[in-house]
Amino acid sequence: MSDTLTVYLRNERVGRLWLGEKRRFAFQYDAAWLASGHAVPLSLALPLQPEIYADDSARPFFANLLPESELREVIARRLGLSEGNDFALLEAIGGECAGAVSLLPDGAKLSDEGEYRPLSDDELNALIRDLPKRPMLAGEAGFRLSLAGAQNKLPVYYDEAAGQVCLPMGNLPSRHILKPPITRFADTVQNELFCMQLAGRMGLPVPEATLLHQEVPLYLVTRYDRERGPDGKIHRLHQEDFCQALGIEPDQKYEKEGGPSLQACFKLLRENSIRPVADIKALVQWVIFNTLIGNADAHGKNIALLLDGQGPYLAPFYDLMCTAVYPELNNRMAMKIGGEDRPDWIIARRWEQFAKDIGVGYKMVRQMLVEMATDIVPAAQALQAAFTAQHGECDTLRRIIALIEQRARKVHTSLAAAQQTD
């Protein structure tokens, strides 16, 4: 195992990550990158500077590039590595991460050579069947793929003209993310696709997503951190999630474990975004939408910033799913709204406190609440009809809509009751 990794942003070398004393992380930007005239930081938590960043500053950004939970455990076991060895895992699978970051062993050269290898339906189905045993294709020759999160997924390229899933070989960037169903919960693919498409209908910025009908249904979403350039090639876009930007390690992503609060997330946008007004409004929409659809797993790793030469701004939303239809899951919100994480207790005064916490006028928050609670029910019903016509009946969607209807009524009732007492 190497003790030093070269860190690239897109195709440019930006610095080195190495193991210092007691095998602690150390990171330093290259002098050439700092002097380039177009240098941008890897993270808001790692501003450009010539000095070395010690473990407590460097580890949160890099550790957040890795998969989590059982997924991480399986990958580590398959690679013969310790589950807790962040550095070794980054060396093994850090070639194609979220955003534009790639990590290579010291001395290895970054190459843009490779190909998109088409998969037949039989090959794709076999790969999906085997994915629990070899997530991210860890250990397979030609693949160094890493995506954060606890759910099994695979970075791919989807050739729309051919209707074919392809694997990015070598150092070629993926363009899409493919998710199979979570076997212990019903209809997770349909659930996430429905919620993502509903978010789009409600005006939230979300990437395009669809369902592939294979041996099992597959959720396919276009990556917002990839774009096709004028040269026709796919290019990586620099991004980081809010845990990275706030210097918080992935095992603390939930607020109750020391992770980001909504107050901290809005403060981050207000102080750093190049379009703070639009981004703050969009994030308020995200909070309201997640509450109405019953997404209790909306934490700091599920929102991100895109960082370009102009500066950071809020990325499109992702990982939107109704978790409340699964009674086995904790129904408490990952981030408190006005000091409350129990959905049934999030009433008008909690929304008023939420507005104060994030520095936004309650009148605006109330208006957005009323509008979304009013519009989301007919939008969900219309989407269900279109969804059923395209993908067939799904009982989970009926339960999601019933929950949305119940929560929308609660918003109206709570706000009306508060008005009467004012």
Protein backbone atom coordinates (compact mmCIF):
# COMPACT_ATOMS: atom_id res chain seq x y z
CA MET A 1 0.00 0.00 0.00
CA SER A 2 1.21 3.49 -0.83
CA ASP A 3 1.61 6.08 1.93
CA THR A 4 0.89 8.95 -0.48
CA LEU A 5 -1.97 9.60 -2.87
CA THR A 6 -1.97 12.22 -5.60
CA VAL A 7 -5.18 14.24 -5.62
CA TYR A 8 -6.59 15.39 -8.95
CA LEU A 9 -9.43 17.76 -9.70
CA ARG A 10 -10.74 16.85 -13.16
CA ASN A 11 -7.44 16.22 -14.95
CA GLU A 12 -5.20 18.57 -12.96
CA ARG A 13 -3.04 17.65 -10.02
CA VAL A 14 -4.01 19.78 -7.02
CA GLY A 15 -2.16 18.24 -4.09
CA ARG A 16 -1.08 15.23 -2.06
CA LEU A 17 -2.76 13.23 0.66
CA TRP A 18 -0.48 11.16 2.86
CA LEU A 19 -0.25 9.33 6.15
CA GLY A 20 1.76 11.20 8.75
CA GLU A 21 2.59 10.35 12.33
CA LYS A 22 0.43 7.62 13.85
CA ARG A 23 -0.98 7.11 10.34
CA ARG A 24 -3.03 10.28 10.50
CA PHE A 25 -4.15 12.11 7.33
CA ALA A 26 -2.21 15.08 6.03
CA PHE A 27 -3.08 17.07 2.91
CA GLN A 28 -1.24 19.84 1.10
CA TYR A 29 -2.05 21.77 -2.06
CA ASP A 30 0.68 21.75 -4.72
CA ALA A 31 2.49 25.05 -5.19
CA ALA A 32 1.82 24.83 -8.93
CA TRP A 33 -1.93 24.55 -8.32
CA LEU A 34 -1.92 27.53 -5.94
CA ALA A 35 -0.03 29.60 -8.52
CA SER A 36 -2.11 28.50 -11.52
CA GLY A 37 -4.49 31.46 -11.56
CA HIS A 38 -7.54 29.21 -11.79
CA ALA A 39 -7.11 27.28 -8.54
CA VAL A 40 -10.25 26.50 -6.56
CA PRO A 41 -10.32 24.75 -3.18
CA LEU A 42 -11.24 21.09 -2.86
CA SER A 43 -13.62 22.11 -0.10
CA LEU A 44 -14.90 25.20 1.68
CA ALA A 45 -13.40 23.53 4.75
CA LEU A 46 -10.00 23.35 2.97
CA PRO A 47 -9.33 26.91 1.72
CA LEU A 48 -6.37 27.40 -0.59
CA GLN A 49 -3.17 27.73 1.42
CA PRO A 50 0.42 26.47 1.18
CA GLU A 51 0.42 25.08 4.72
CA ILE A 52 -0.32 21.42 5.45
CA TYR A 53 -3.80 20.44 6.64
CA ALA A 54 -3.69 18.03 9.56
CA ASP A 55 -5.97 15.03 10.08
CA ASP A 56 -8.84 16.85 11.80
CA SER A 57 -9.21 19.16 8.78
CA ALA A 58 -8.30 16.76 5.96
CA ARG A 59 -10.08 13.57 6.98
CA PRO A 60 -13.73 14.84 6.82
CA PHE A 61 -13.49 15.78 3.14
CA PHE A 62 -11.75 12.61 1.97
CA ALA A 63 -13.61 10.17 4.23
CA ASN A 64 -16.90 11.52 2.90
CA LEU A 65 -15.94 10.28 -0.58
CA LEU A 66 -16.26 6.67 0.58
CA PRO A 67 -19.29 4.37 0.85
CA GLU A 68 -20.78 3.79 4.29
CA SER A 69 -22.22 1.14 6.60
CA GLU A 70 -22.69 -2.42 5.28
CA LEU A 71 -21.62 -1.36 1.78
CA ARG A 72 -18.25 -0.22 3.07
CA GLU A 73 -17.87 -3.42 5.09
CA VAL A 74 -18.48 -5.64 2.05
CA ILE A 75 -16.09 -3.63 -0.14
CA ALA A 76 -13.36 -3.77 2.49
CA ARG A 77 -13.80 -7.51 2.97
CA ARG A 78 -13.69 -8.10 -0.80
CA LEU A 79 -10.49 -6.06 -1.11
CA GLY A 80 -8.88 -7.66 1.93
CA LEU A 81 -8.71 -4.33 3.76
CA SER A 82 -9.70 -3.14 7.20
CA GLU A 83 -13.14 -1.54 7.19
CA GLY A 84 -11.79 1.38 9.22
CA ASN A 85 -8.83 2.09 6.92
CA ASP A 86 -10.00 5.18 5.05
CA PHE A 87 -6.68 5.70 3.33
CA ALA A 88 -6.39 2.18 1.92
CA LEU A 89 -9.98 2.32 0.68
CA LEU A 90 -9.34 5.66 -1.04
CA GLU A 91 -6.29 4.16 -2.73
CA ALA A 92 -8.29 1.14 -3.89
CA ILE A 93 -11.51 2.76 -5.12
CA GLY A 94 -10.92 6.53 -5.26
CA GLY A 95 -10.58 6.86 -9.01
CA GLU A 96 -14.19 7.85 -9.81
CA CYS A 97 -15.75 9.71 -6.89
CA ALA A 98 -18.58 12.15 -6.46
CA GLY A 99 -17.64 15.41 -8.12
CA ALA A 100 -14.36 15.90 -9.95
CA VAL A 101 -11.94 14.39 -7.44
CA SER A 102 -9.72 11.42 -8.29
CA LEU A 103 -7.06 9.89 -6.06
CA LEU A 104 -4.18 7.84 -7.47
CA PRO A 105 -1.23 6.15 -5.81
CA ASP A 106 1.84 8.38 -5.84
CA GLY A 107 3.66 8.05 -9.15
CA ALA A 108 0.64 6.78 -11.08
CA LYS A 109 -0.37 8.93 -14.04
CA LEU A 110 -3.91 10.11 -14.61
CA SER A 111 -5.06 9.01 -18.05
CA ASP A 112 -8.16 9.83 -20.05
CA GLU A 113 -7.92 6.53 -21.90
CA GLY A 114 -10.68 4.00 -21.62
CA GLU A 115 -13.98 2.99 -23.12
CA TYR A 116 -17.64 2.68 -22.25
CA ARG A 117 -18.25 -1.05 -22.38
CA PRO A 118 -21.86 -1.89 -23.35
CA LEU A 119 -23.71 -4.50 -21.31
CA SER A 120 -26.30 -6.84 -22.77
CA ASP A 121 -29.48 -7.29 -20.73
CA ASP A 122 -28.18 -10.66 -19.52
CA GLU A 123 -24.86 -9.14 -18.47
CA LEU A 124 -26.59 -6.25 -16.71
CA ASN A 125 -28.95 -8.54 -14.82
CA ALA A 126 -26.08 -10.79 -13.77
CA LEU A 127 -24.10 -7.76 -12.58
CA ILE A 128 -27.07 -6.50 -10.53
CA ARG A 129 -27.56 -9.94 -8.97
CA ASP A 130 -23.89 -9.98 -7.95
CA LEU A 131 -23.76 -6.35 -6.78
CA PRO A 132 -24.40 -7.16 -3.09
CA LYS A 133 -21.32 -9.40 -3.14
CA ARG A 134 -19.13 -6.97 -5.12
CA PRO A 135 -20.46 -3.43 -4.62
CA MET A 136 -18.98 -0.74 -6.89
CA LEU A 137 -17.32 -3.68 -8.71
CA ALA A 138 -14.63 -3.45 -6.04
CA GLY A 139 -11.63 -5.58 -6.90
CA GLU A 140 -12.55 -5.94 -10.58
CA ALA A 141 -9.77 -5.00 -13.00
CA GLY A 142 -10.29 -1.59 -14.59
CA PHE A 143 -12.66 -0.21 -11.91
CA ARG A 144 -11.89 2.23 -9.08
CA LEU A 145 -15.36 3.51 -8.26
CA SER A 146 -16.51 5.20 -5.06
CA LEU A 147 -19.81 6.85 -4.20
CA ALA A 148 -20.78 7.98 -0.73
CA GLY A 149 -23.87 6.65 0.99
CA ALA A 150 -25.15 3.43 2.50
CA GLN A 151 -27.22 2.19 -0.47
CA ASN A 152 -25.83 -0.09 -3.15
CA LYS A 153 -25.41 1.77 -6.44
CA LEU A 154 -23.25 1.72 -9.53
CA PRO A 155 -21.79 4.59 -11.59
CA VAL A 156 -22.54 3.87 -15.26
CA TYR A 157 -23.00 5.50 -18.65
CA TYR A 158 -26.43 5.09 -20.22
CA ASP A 159 -26.47 5.25 -24.00
CA GLU A 160 -29.96 6.63 -24.63
CA ALA A 161 -29.84 6.09 -28.38
CA ALA A 162 -29.07 2.40 -27.94
CA GLY A 163 -31.03 2.03 -24.72
CA GLN A 164 -28.00 0.34 -23.22
CA VAL A 165 -26.14 0.56 -19.91
CA CYS A 166 -22.37 0.83 -20.27
CA LEU A 167 -19.54 0.51 -17.76
CA PRO A 168 -16.89 3.27 -17.71
CA MET A 169 -13.50 1.59 -18.10
CA GLY A 170 -10.16 3.12 -17.23
CA ASN A 171 -10.46 6.72 -16.08
CA LEU A 172 -13.54 7.65 -18.11
CA PRO A 173 -16.21 9.43 -16.05
CA SER A 174 -19.62 7.92 -15.51
CA ARG A 175 -22.72 9.91 -16.51
CA HIS A 176 -25.46 8.16 -14.55
CA ILE A 177 -26.03 6.30 -11.28
CA LEU A 178 -27.89 3.00 -11.25
CA LYS A 179 -29.65 1.77 -8.10
CA PRO A 180 -31.23 -1.66 -7.66
CA PRO A 181 -34.09 -2.21 -5.20
CA ILE A 182 -33.35 -2.40 -1.48
CA THR A 183 -34.56 -5.93 -0.91
CA ARG A 184 -35.80 -5.51 2.67
CA PHE A 185 -38.13 -2.63 1.73
CA ALA A 186 -40.91 -2.71 -0.85
CA ASP A 187 -40.71 -0.75 -4.11
CA THR A 188 -37.75 1.48 -3.23
CA VAL A 189 -36.96 2.10 -6.90
CA GLN A 190 -40.52 3.24 -7.63
CA ASN A 191 -40.58 5.24 -4.39
CA GLU A 192 -37.43 7.23 -5.19
CA LEU A 193 -38.35 7.80 -8.83
CA PHE A 194 -41.84 9.00 -7.87
CA CYS A 195 -40.51 11.39 -5.21
CA MET A 196 -37.82 12.77 -7.52
CA GLN A 197 -40.29 13.35 -10.33
CA LEU A 198 -42.79 14.87 -7.91
CA ALA A 199 -40.08 17.25 -6.68
CA GLY A 200 -39.54 18.36 -10.26
CA ARG A 201 -43.25 19.01 -10.70
CA MET A 202 -43.18 21.10 -7.51
CA GLY A 203 -40.41 23.30 -8.90
CA LEU A 204 -37.43 21.85 -7.04
CA PRO A 205 -34.22 21.50 -9.08
CA VAL A 206 -33.63 17.77 -9.60
CA PRO A 207 -31.72 15.76 -12.21
CA GLU A 208 -33.56 13.63 -14.74
CA ALA A 209 -34.42 10.13 -13.51
CA THR A 210 -36.16 7.11 -14.97
CA LEU A 211 -36.84 3.42 -14.38
CA LEU A 212 -35.25 0.62 -16.38
CA HIS A 213 -37.37 -2.51 -16.68
CA GLN A 214 -34.95 -5.38 -16.25
CA GLU A 215 -35.00 -8.56 -14.19
CA VAL A 216 -35.68 -6.21 -11.29
CA PRO A 217 -36.66 -2.54 -11.71
CA LEU A 218 -33.62 -0.25 -11.72
CA TYR A 219 -33.51 3.42 -10.79
CA LEU A 220 -31.40 5.43 -13.24
CA VAL A 221 -30.54 9.05 -12.50
CA THR A 222 -28.43 11.46 -14.52
CA ARG A 223 -25.50 12.79 -12.51
CA TYR A 224 -25.67 16.55 -11.90
CA ASP A 225 -21.89 16.51 -11.34
CA ARG A 226 -21.21 15.47 -14.93
CA GLU A 227 -21.76 17.42 -18.16
CA ARG A 228 -21.17 16.86 -21.84
CA GLY A 229 -18.74 19.41 -23.19
CA PRO A 230 -18.54 20.97 -26.67
CA ASP A 231 -16.06 18.22 -27.53
CA GLY A 232 -18.80 15.64 -26.96
CA LYS A 233 -16.94 14.14 -24.01
CA ILE A 234 -18.29 13.75 -20.48
CA HIS A 235 -16.59 16.07 -17.99
CA ARG A 236 -16.57 15.97 -14.20
CA LEU A 237 -17.92 18.92 -12.20
CA HIS A 238 -16.48 19.84 -8.83
CA GLN A 239 -18.90 19.37 -5.93
CA GLU A 240 -19.02 18.57 -2.24
CA ASP A 241 -21.79 17.67 0.15
CA PHE A 242 -22.64 19.80 3.17
CA CYS A 243 -20.84 17.46 5.59
CA GLN A 244 -17.64 17.97 3.60
CA ALA A 245 -18.16 21.72 3.38
CA LEU A 246 -18.72 21.94 7.14
CA GLY A 247 -15.82 19.63 8.01
CA ILE A 248 -18.02 16.87 9.48
CA GLU A 249 -17.11 13.19 9.19
CA PRO A 250 -19.62 10.79 7.58
CA ASP A 251 -20.39 8.88 10.78
CA GLN A 252 -21.74 12.14 12.21
CA LYS A 253 -24.02 13.05 9.31
CA TYR A 254 -27.16 13.09 11.47
CA GLU A 255 -27.81 16.18 13.57
CA LYS A 256 -28.34 14.15 16.76
CA GLU A 257 -24.84 12.69 16.29
CA GLY A 258 -23.20 16.09 15.84
CA GLY A 259 -24.00 16.50 12.15
CA PRO A 260 -25.27 19.61 10.35
CA SER A 261 -28.40 21.35 11.57
CA LEU A 262 -30.67 23.24 9.21
CA GLN A 263 -29.44 26.43 10.82
CA ALA A 264 -25.85 25.52 9.93
CA CYS A 265 -26.82 24.59 6.35
CA PHE A 266 -28.58 27.88 5.70
CA LYS A 267 -25.68 29.79 7.28
CA LEU A 268 -23.29 27.98 4.93
CA LEU A 269 -25.33 29.09 1.91
CA ARG A 270 -25.77 32.65 3.14
CA GLU A 271 -22.04 33.10 3.70
CA ASN A 272 -20.70 31.26 0.65
CA SER A 273 -23.20 30.93 -2.21
CA ILE A 274 -22.81 33.17 -5.23
CA ARG A 275 -26.63 33.23 -5.50
CA PRO A 276 -27.72 33.15 -1.84
CA VAL A 277 -31.28 34.41 -2.28
CA ALA A 278 -32.25 31.76 -4.87
CA ASP A 279 -30.39 29.00 -3.03
CA ILE A 280 -31.92 29.78 0.35
CA LYS A 281 -35.40 29.77 -1.18
CA ALA A 282 -34.70 26.42 -2.87
CA LEU A 283 -33.45 24.92 0.39
CA VAL A 284 -36.61 26.07 2.19
CA GLN A 285 -38.59 24.29 -0.53
CA TRP A 286 -36.48 21.17 0.07
CA VAL A 287 -37.25 21.21 3.80
CA ILE A 288 -40.99 21.63 3.21
CA PHE A 289 -41.08 19.01 0.46
CA ASN A 290 -39.27 16.42 2.57
CA THR A 291 -41.68 17.04 5.44
CA LEU A 292 -44.73 16.62 3.19
CA ILE A 293 -43.50 13.43 1.49
CA GLY A 294 -42.28 11.85 4.73
CA ASN A 295 -38.54 11.81 4.00
CA ALA A 296 -36.97 11.50 7.45
CA ASP A 297 -33.51 10.73 6.01
CA ALA A 298 -32.79 14.22 4.65
CA HIS A 299 -29.38 14.84 6.26
CA GLY A 300 -26.29 16.90 5.46
CA LYS A 301 -24.86 14.39 2.98
CA ASN A 302 -28.04 14.63 0.92
CA ILE A 303 -27.47 18.24 -0.07
CA ALA A 304 -24.44 19.51 -1.94
CA LEU A 305 -22.69 22.48 -3.48
CA LEU A 306 -21.28 22.79 -6.95
CA LEU A 307 -18.01 24.73 -7.01
CA ASP A 308 -16.72 26.38 -10.16
CA GLY A 309 -14.49 29.32 -10.95
CA GLN A 310 -17.24 31.77 -10.00
CA GLY A 311 -17.84 30.23 -6.58
CA PRO A 312 -20.14 27.75 -4.84
CA TYR A 313 -23.88 27.36 -5.34
CA LEU A 314 -26.54 24.83 -4.36
CA ALA A 315 -26.56 21.63 -6.41
CA PRO A 316 -29.77 19.96 -7.64
CA PHE A 317 -31.44 17.75 -5.04
CA TYR A 318 -31.07 13.98 -4.92
CA ASP A 319 -31.89 10.91 -2.78
CA LEU A 320 -35.50 12.00 -2.26
CA MET A 321 -37.61 9.14 -0.92
CA CYS A 322 -40.62 8.64 1.33
CA THR A 323 -39.14 6.76 4.30
CA ALA A 324 -42.30 7.09 6.40
CA VAL A 325 -44.05 4.28 4.46
CA TYR A 326 -41.58 1.82 5.97
CA PRO A 327 -42.57 1.29 9.63
CA GLU A 328 -39.24 -0.42 10.33
CA LEU A 329 -37.42 2.90 9.82
CA ASN A 330 -37.06 5.69 12.35
CA ASN A 331 -39.66 8.34 11.51
CA ARG A 332 -37.86 11.22 13.24
CA MET A 333 -36.49 13.89 10.93
CA ALA A 334 -32.72 13.80 10.39
CA MET A 335 -32.58 17.58 10.95
CA LYS A 336 -34.88 19.33 13.39
CA ILE A 337 -37.40 21.89 12.18
CA GLY A 338 -37.76 24.65 14.72
CA GLY A 339 -36.23 22.40 17.38
CA GLU A 340 -38.54 19.45 16.67
CA ASP A 341 -37.83 16.17 14.84
CA ARG A 342 -41.15 14.36 15.44
CA PRO A 343 -43.28 14.88 12.31
CA ASP A 344 -46.59 14.98 14.22
CA TRP A 345 -45.24 17.80 16.40
CA ILE A 346 -44.07 20.03 13.56
CA ILE A 347 -46.86 22.59 13.78
CA ALA A 348 -47.14 26.30 12.98
CA ARG A 349 -44.99 27.56 15.86
CA ARG A 350 -42.23 25.14 14.85
CA TRP A 351 -42.24 26.55 11.34
CA GLU A 352 -42.14 30.05 12.82
CA GLN A 353 -39.11 29.08 14.92
CA PHE A 354 -37.54 27.44 11.86
CA ALA A 355 -37.84 30.76 9.99
CA LYS A 356 -36.11 32.58 12.86
CA ASP A 357 -33.38 29.93 13.07
CA ILE A 358 -32.45 30.24 9.40
CA GLY A 359 -32.84 34.03 9.20
CA VAL A 360 -35.80 34.06 6.79
CA GLY A 361 -39.06 35.93 7.24
CA TYR A 362 -41.85 33.71 8.54
CA LYS A 363 -44.29 35.30 6.11
CA MET A 364 -42.32 33.86 3.20
CA VAL A 365 -41.97 30.44 4.84
CA ARG A 366 -45.70 30.36 5.63
CA GLN A 367 -46.62 31.29 2.06
CA MET A 368 -44.35 28.56 0.67
CA LEU A 369 -45.87 26.05 3.11
CA VAL A 370 -49.41 26.91 2.07
CA GLU A 371 -48.60 26.83 -1.64
CA MET A 372 -46.79 23.51 -1.53
CA ALA A 373 -49.33 21.85 0.78
CA THR A 374 -52.05 23.00 -1.62
CA ASP A 375 -50.34 22.03 -4.87
CA ILE A 376 -48.60 18.79 -3.92
CA VAL A 377 -51.73 16.61 -3.60
CA PRO A 378 -53.11 17.14 -7.13
CA ALA A 379 -49.56 17.01 -8.49
CA ALA A 380 -48.95 13.66 -6.79
CA GLN A 381 -52.25 12.26 -8.02
CA ALA A 382 -51.57 13.33 -11.59
CA LEU A 383 -48.04 11.91 -11.43
CA GLN A 384 -49.36 8.62 -10.09
CA ALA A 385 -51.65 8.27 -13.11
CA ALA A 386 -48.79 8.93 -15.52
CA PHE A 387 -46.45 6.69 -13.53
CA THR A 388 -48.93 3.79 -13.52
CA ALA A 389 -49.49 4.09 -17.27
CA GLN A 390 -45.75 3.87 -17.89
CA HIS A 391 -44.54 1.50 -15.18
CA GLY A 392 -47.60 -0.37 -13.89
CA GLU A 393 -49.47 -0.46 -10.57
CA CYS A 394 -47.55 0.10 -7.34
CA ASP A 395 -49.21 -0.18 -3.95
CA THR A 396 -46.40 1.75 -2.24
CA LEU A 397 -47.23 4.83 -4.31
CA ARG A 398 -50.83 4.72 -3.10
CA ARG A 399 -49.56 4.72 0.48
CA ILE A 400 -47.18 7.61 -0.27
CA ILE A 401 -50.02 9.69 -1.69
CA ALA A 402 -52.22 8.92 1.33
CA LEU A 403 -49.40 10.10 3.59
CA ILE A 404 -48.89 13.27 1.52
CA GLU A 405 -52.60 14.02 1.73
CA GLN A 406 -52.56 13.55 5.51
CA ARG A 407 -49.51 15.79 5.99
CA ALA A 408 -50.84 18.47 3.65
CA ARG A 409 -54.09 18.58 5.67
CA LYS A 410 -52.07 18.87 8.86
CA VAL A 411 -50.17 21.88 7.50
CA HIS A 412 -53.41 23.68 6.58
CA THR A 413 -55.08 22.81 9.89
CA SER A 414 -52.06 23.86 11.95
CA LEU A 415 -51.61 27.17 10.15
CA ALA A 416 -55.32 27.96 10.34
CA ALA A 417 -55.42 27.20 14.08
CA ALA A 418 -52.39 29.42 14.69
CA GLN A 419 -54.04 32.28 12.81
CA GLN A 420 -57.13 32.07 14.99
CA THR A 421 -55.08 32.40 18.16
CA ASP A 422 -53.02 35.37 16.89
